[in-house]
PDB file of N, CA and C in Angstrom:
ATOM      1  N   UNK A   1       0.825  -1.194   0.000  1.00  0.00           N
ATOM      2  CA  UNK A   1       0.000   0.000   0.000  1.00  0.00           C
ATOM      3  C   UNK A   1       0.869   1.257   0.000  1.00  0.00           C
ATOM      4  N   UNK A   2       1.992   1.212   0.718  1.00  0.00           N
ATOM      5  CA  UNK A   2       2.874   2.372   0.776  1.00  0.00           C
ATOM      6  C   UNK A   2       3.440   2.678  -0.611  1.00  0.00           C
ATOM      7  N   UNK A   3       3.833   1.632  -1.335  1.00  0.00           N
ATOM      8  CA  UNK A   3       4.397   1.819  -2.665  1.00  0.00           C
ATOM      9  C   UNK A   3       3.359   2.402  -3.613  1.00  0.00           C
ATOM     10  N   UNK A   4       2.126   1.913  -3.511  1.00  0.00           N
ATOM     11  CA  UNK A   4       1.057   2.410  -4.374  1.00  0.00           C
ATOM     12  C   UNK A   4       0.774   3.881  -4.094  1.00  0.00           C
ATOM     13  N   UNK A   5       0.720   4.276  -2.828  1.00  0.00           N
ATOM     14  CA  UNK A   5       0.458   5.674  -2.478  1.00  0.00           C
ATOM     15  C   UNK A   5       1.590   6.574  -2.960  1.00  0.00           C
ATOM     16  N   UNK A   6       2.813   6.112  -2.828  1.00  0.00           N
ATOM     17  CA  UNK A   6       3.957   6.890  -3.292  1.00  0.00           C
ATOM     18  C   UNK A   6       3.930   7.039  -4.812  1.00  0.00           C
ATOM     19  N   UNK A   7       3.628   5.953  -5.510  1.00  0.00           N
ATOM     20  CA  UNK A   7       3.544   6.001  -6.969  1.00  0.00           C
ATOM     21  C   UNK A   7       2.432   6.942  -7.419  1.00  0.00           C
ATOM     22  N   UNK A   8       1.308   6.906  -6.717  1.00  0.00           N
ATOM     23  CA  UNK A   8       0.192   7.780  -7.055  1.00  0.00           C
ATOM     24  C   UNK A   8       0.568   9.246  -6.849  1.00  0.00           C
ATOM     25  N   UNK A   9       1.221   9.548  -5.740  1.00  0.00           N
ATOM     26  CA  UNK A   9       1.617  10.930  -5.453  1.00  0.00           C
ATOM     27  C   UNK A   9       2.641  11.434  -6.468  1.00  0.00           C
ATOM     28  N   UNK A  10       3.618  10.615  -6.792  1.00  0.00           N
ATOM     29  CA  UNK A  10       4.631  11.030  -7.764  1.00  0.00           C
ATOM     30  C   UNK A  10       4.041  11.172  -9.159  1.00  0.00           C
ATOM     31  N   UNK A  11       3.107  10.301  -9.497  1.00  0.00           N
ATOM     32  CA  UNK A  11       2.436  10.387 -10.784  1.00  0.00           C
ATOM     33  C   UNK A  11       1.630  11.674 -10.891  1.00  0.00           C
ATOM     34  N   UNK A  12       0.926  12.020  -9.820  1.00  0.00           N
ATOM     35  CA  UNK A  12       0.141  13.260  -9.816  1.00  0.00           C
ATOM     36  C   UNK A  12       1.058  14.475  -9.920  1.00  0.00           C
ATOM     37  N   UNK A  13       2.182  14.436  -9.226  1.00  0.00           N
ATOM     38  CA  UNK A  13       3.126  15.556  -9.279  1.00  0.00           C
ATOM     39  C   UNK A  13       3.708  15.711 -10.680  1.00  0.00           C
ATOM     40  N   UNK A  14       4.036  14.587 -11.307  1.00  0.00           N
ATOM     41  CA  UNK A  14       4.618  14.638 -12.647  1.00  0.00           C
ATOM     42  C   UNK A  14       3.611  15.159 -13.658  1.00  0.00           C
ATOM     43  N   UNK A  15       2.370  14.673 -13.595  1.00  0.00           N
ATOM     44  CA  UNK A  15       1.392  15.134 -14.570  1.00  0.00           C
ATOM     45  C   UNK A  15       1.018  16.592 -14.331  1.00  0.00           C
ATOM     46  N   UNK A  16       1.014  17.040 -13.076  1.00  0.00           N
ATOM     47  CA  UNK A  16       0.710  18.444 -12.800  1.00  0.00           C
ATOM     48  C   UNK A  16       1.822  19.356 -13.304  1.00  0.00           C
ATOM     49  N   UNK A  17       3.059  18.923 -13.156  1.00  0.00           N
ATOM     50  CA  UNK A  17       4.169  19.776 -13.579  1.00  0.00           C
ATOM     51  C   UNK A  17       4.375  19.750 -15.089  1.00  0.00           C
ATOM     52  N   UNK A  18       3.988  18.672 -15.757  1.00  0.00           N
ATOM     53  CA  UNK A  18       4.190  18.563 -17.198  1.00  0.00           C
ATOM     54  C   UNK A  18       2.948  18.922 -18.002  1.00  0.00           C
ATOM     55  N   UNK A  19       1.839  19.214 -17.346  1.00  0.00           N
ATOM     56  CA  UNK A  19       0.586  19.457 -18.051  1.00  0.00           C
ATOM     57  C   UNK A  19       0.664  20.679 -18.964  1.00  0.00           C
ATOM     58  N   UNK A  20       1.384  21.700 -18.536  1.00  0.00           N
ATOM     59  CA  UNK A  20       1.451  22.919 -19.329  1.00  0.00           C
ATOM     60  C   UNK A  20       2.512  22.887 -20.410  1.00  0.00           C
ATOM     61  N   UNK A  21       3.338  21.890 -20.429  1.00  0.00           N
ATOM     62  CA  UNK A  21       4.417  21.835 -21.397  1.00  0.00           C
ATOM     63  C   UNK A  21       5.547  22.769 -21.002  1.00  0.00           C
ATOM     64  N   UNK A  22       6.508  22.918 -21.882  1.00  0.00           N
ATOM     65  CA  UNK A  22       7.653  23.786 -21.612  1.00  0.00           C
ATOM     66  C   UNK A  22       7.466  25.072 -22.400  1.00  0.00           C
ATOM     67  N   UNK A  23       7.470  26.181 -21.699  1.00  0.00           N
ATOM     68  CA  UNK A  23       7.293  27.476 -22.342  1.00  0.00           C
ATOM     69  C   UNK A  23       8.508  28.348 -22.046  1.00  0.00           C
ATOM     70  N   UNK A  24       8.899  29.179 -22.985  1.00  0.00           N
ATOM     71  CA  UNK A  24      10.033  30.069 -22.734  1.00  0.00           C
ATOM     72  C   UNK A  24       9.672  31.127 -21.693  1.00  0.00           C
ATOM     73  N   UNK A  25      10.643  31.481 -20.885  1.00  0.00           N
ATOM     74  CA  UNK A  25      10.422  32.496 -19.853  1.00  0.00           C
ATOM     75  C   UNK A  25      10.714  33.862 -20.464  1.00  0.00           C
ATOM     76  N   UNK A  26       9.679  34.680 -20.536  1.00  0.00           N
ATOM     77  CA  UNK A  26       9.844  36.014 -21.112  1.00  0.00           C
ATOM     78  C   UNK A  26       9.962  37.085 -20.031  1.00  0.00           C
ATOM     79  N   UNK A  27       9.154  36.978 -18.997  1.00  0.00           N
ATOM     80  CA  UNK A  27       9.129  37.999 -17.954  1.00  0.00           C
ATOM     81  C   UNK A  27       9.119  37.316 -16.596  1.00  0.00           C
ATOM     82  N   UNK A  28      10.185  37.446 -15.794  1.00  0.00           N
ATOM     83  CA  UNK A  28      10.265  36.757 -14.507  1.00  0.00           C
ATOM     84  C   UNK A  28       9.133  37.116 -13.548  1.00  0.00           C
ATOM     85  N   UNK A  29       8.600  38.320 -13.635  1.00  0.00           N
ATOM     86  CA  UNK A  29       7.522  38.738 -12.737  1.00  0.00           C
ATOM     87  C   UNK A  29       6.281  37.891 -12.980  1.00  0.00           C
ATOM     88  N   UNK A  30       5.971  37.623 -14.241  1.00  0.00           N
ATOM     89  CA  UNK A  30       4.806  36.803 -14.581  1.00  0.00           C
ATOM     90  C   UNK A  30       4.993  35.387 -14.055  1.00  0.00           C
ATOM     91  N   UNK A  31       6.190  34.842 -14.187  1.00  0.00           N
ATOM     92  CA  UNK A  31       6.467  33.490 -13.712  1.00  0.00           C
ATOM     93  C   UNK A  31       6.319  33.417 -12.197  1.00  0.00           C
ATOM     94  N   UNK A  32       6.822  34.412 -11.480  1.00  0.00           N
ATOM     95  CA  UNK A  32       6.705  34.418 -10.022  1.00  0.00           C
ATOM     96  C   UNK A  32       5.249  34.517  -9.586  1.00  0.00           C
ATOM     97  N   UNK A  33       4.461  35.293 -10.277  1.00  0.00           N
ATOM     98  CA  UNK A  33       3.043  35.426  -9.951  1.00  0.00           C
ATOM     99  C   UNK A  33       2.326  34.108 -10.184  1.00  0.00           C
ATOM    100  N   UNK A  34       2.608  33.451 -11.287  1.00  0.00           N
ATOM    101  CA  UNK A  34       1.962  32.175 -11.589  1.00  0.00           C
ATOM    102  C   UNK A  34       2.383  31.102 -10.598  1.00  0.00           C
ATOM    103  N   UNK A  35       3.625  31.131 -10.165  1.00  0.00           N
ATOM    104  CA  UNK A  35       4.119  30.102  -9.246  1.00  0.00           C
ATOM    105  C   UNK A  35       3.538  30.250  -7.849  1.00  0.00           C
ATOM    106  N   UNK A  36       3.056  31.422  -7.506  1.00  0.00           N
ATOM    107  CA  UNK A  36       2.542  31.626  -6.158  1.00  0.00           C
ATOM    108  C   UNK A  36       1.016  31.631  -6.103  1.00  0.00           C
ATOM    109  N   UNK A  37       0.364  31.116  -7.142  1.00  0.00           N
ATOM    110  CA  UNK A  37      -1.098  31.106  -7.132  1.00  0.00           C
ATOM    111  C   UNK A  37      -1.625  30.136  -6.080  1.00  0.00           C
ATOM    112  N   UNK A  38      -2.832  30.362  -5.641  1.00  0.00           N
ATOM    113  CA  UNK A  38      -3.425  29.550  -4.572  1.00  0.00           C
ATOM    114  C   UNK A  38      -3.592  28.094  -4.999  1.00  0.00           C
ATOM    115  N   UNK A  39      -3.934  27.853  -6.256  1.00  0.00           N
ATOM    116  CA  UNK A  39      -4.139  26.476  -6.714  1.00  0.00           C
ATOM    117  C   UNK A  39      -2.848  25.670  -6.644  1.00  0.00           C
ATOM    118  N   UNK A  40      -1.742  26.275  -7.013  1.00  0.00           N
ATOM    119  CA  UNK A  40      -0.459  25.576  -6.945  1.00  0.00           C
ATOM    120  C   UNK A  40      -0.083  25.272  -5.504  1.00  0.00           C
ATOM    121  N   UNK A  41      -0.380  26.187  -4.605  1.00  0.00           N
ATOM    122  CA  UNK A  41      -0.060  25.960  -3.200  1.00  0.00           C
ATOM    123  C   UNK A  41      -0.855  24.793  -2.642  1.00  0.00           C
ATOM    124  N   UNK A  42      -2.132  24.697  -2.971  1.00  0.00           N
ATOM    125  CA  UNK A  42      -2.954  23.585  -2.474  1.00  0.00           C
ATOM    126  C   UNK A  42      -2.479  22.258  -3.047  1.00  0.00           C
ATOM    127  N   UNK A  43      -2.053  22.253  -4.311  1.00  0.00           N
ATOM    128  CA  UNK A  43      -1.551  21.017  -4.911  1.00  0.00           C
ATOM    129  C   UNK A  43      -0.275  20.570  -4.205  1.00  0.00           C
ATOM    130  N   UNK A  44       0.600  21.503  -3.894  1.00  0.00           N
ATOM    131  CA  UNK A  44       1.837  21.166  -3.190  1.00  0.00           C
ATOM    132  C   UNK A  44       1.580  20.644  -1.794  1.00  0.00           C
ATOM    133  N   UNK A  45       0.643  21.266  -1.096  1.00  0.00           N
ATOM    134  CA  UNK A  45       0.299  20.812   0.259  1.00  0.00           C
ATOM    135  C   UNK A  45      -0.307  19.420   0.210  1.00  0.00           C
ATOM    136  N   UNK A  46      -1.202  19.191  -0.751  1.00  0.00           N
ATOM    137  CA  UNK A  46      -1.848  17.880  -0.878  1.00  0.00           C
ATOM    138  C   UNK A  46      -0.827  16.792  -1.178  1.00  0.00           C
ATOM    139  N   UNK A  47       0.086  17.063  -2.109  1.00  0.00           N
ATOM    140  CA  UNK A  47       1.098  16.064  -2.451  1.00  0.00           C
ATOM    141  C   UNK A  47       2.035  15.796  -1.280  1.00  0.00           C
ATOM    142  N   UNK A  48       2.377  16.835  -0.537  1.00  0.00           N
ATOM    143  CA  UNK A  48       3.229  16.654   0.636  1.00  0.00           C
ATOM    144  C   UNK A  48       2.548  15.778   1.672  1.00  0.00           C
ATOM    145  N   UNK A  49       1.262  16.019   1.916  1.00  0.00           N
ATOM    146  CA  UNK A  49       0.522  15.206   2.883  1.00  0.00           C
ATOM    147  C   UNK A  49       0.394  13.757   2.424  1.00  0.00           C
ATOM    148  N   UNK A  50       0.195  13.545   1.122  1.00  0.00           N
ATOM    149  CA  UNK A  50       0.119  12.177   0.600  1.00  0.00           C
ATOM    150  C   UNK A  50       1.444  11.442   0.791  1.00  0.00           C
ATOM    151  N   UNK A  51       2.546  12.123   0.503  1.00  0.00           N
ATOM    152  CA  UNK A  51       3.858  11.498   0.677  1.00  0.00           C
ATOM    153  C   UNK A  51       4.143  11.213   2.146  1.00  0.00           C
ATOM    154  N   UNK A  52       3.755  12.130   3.020  1.00  0.00           N
ATOM    155  CA  UNK A  52       3.947  11.926   4.449  1.00  0.00           C
ATOM    156  C   UNK A  52       3.116  10.748   4.946  1.00  0.00           C
ATOM    157  N   UNK A  53       1.876  10.651   4.492  1.00  0.00           N
ATOM    158  CA  UNK A  53       1.012   9.537   4.895  1.00  0.00           C
ATOM    159  C   UNK A  53       1.578   8.211   4.399  1.00  0.00           C
ATOM    160  N   UNK A  54       2.126   8.207   3.182  1.00  0.00           N
ATOM    161  CA  UNK A  54       2.703   6.981   2.638  1.00  0.00           C
ATOM    162  C   UNK A  54       3.957   6.582   3.413  1.00  0.00           C
ATOM    163  N   UNK A  55       4.734   7.560   3.829  1.00  0.00           N
ATOM    164  CA  UNK A  55       5.964   7.265   4.566  1.00  0.00           C
ATOM    165  C   UNK A  55       5.673   6.754   5.971  1.00  0.00           C
ATOM    166  N   UNK A  56       4.605   7.240   6.578  1.00  0.00           N
ATOM    167  CA  UNK A  56       4.274   6.833   7.943  1.00  0.00           C
ATOM    168  C   UNK A  56       3.477   5.538   8.000  1.00  0.00           C
ATOM    169  N   UNK A  57       2.957   5.109   6.868  1.00  0.00           N
ATOM    170  CA  UNK A  57       2.121   3.905   6.838  1.00  0.00           C
ATOM    171  C   UNK A  57       2.910   2.640   7.037  1.00  0.00           C
TER     172      UNK A  57
END
């Protein structure tokens, strides 16, 4: 079960990070604003909690 939870969390992280593809960075301010959006923060917190739960299981 621990391996499955870890695989699921890593899979979700990979698909979330690769979903937008690779785009050239034109303006660092825009990138910083996008990186600090509320949705990204919740995804990071959720993935961290999943990994922690898998490690403690």
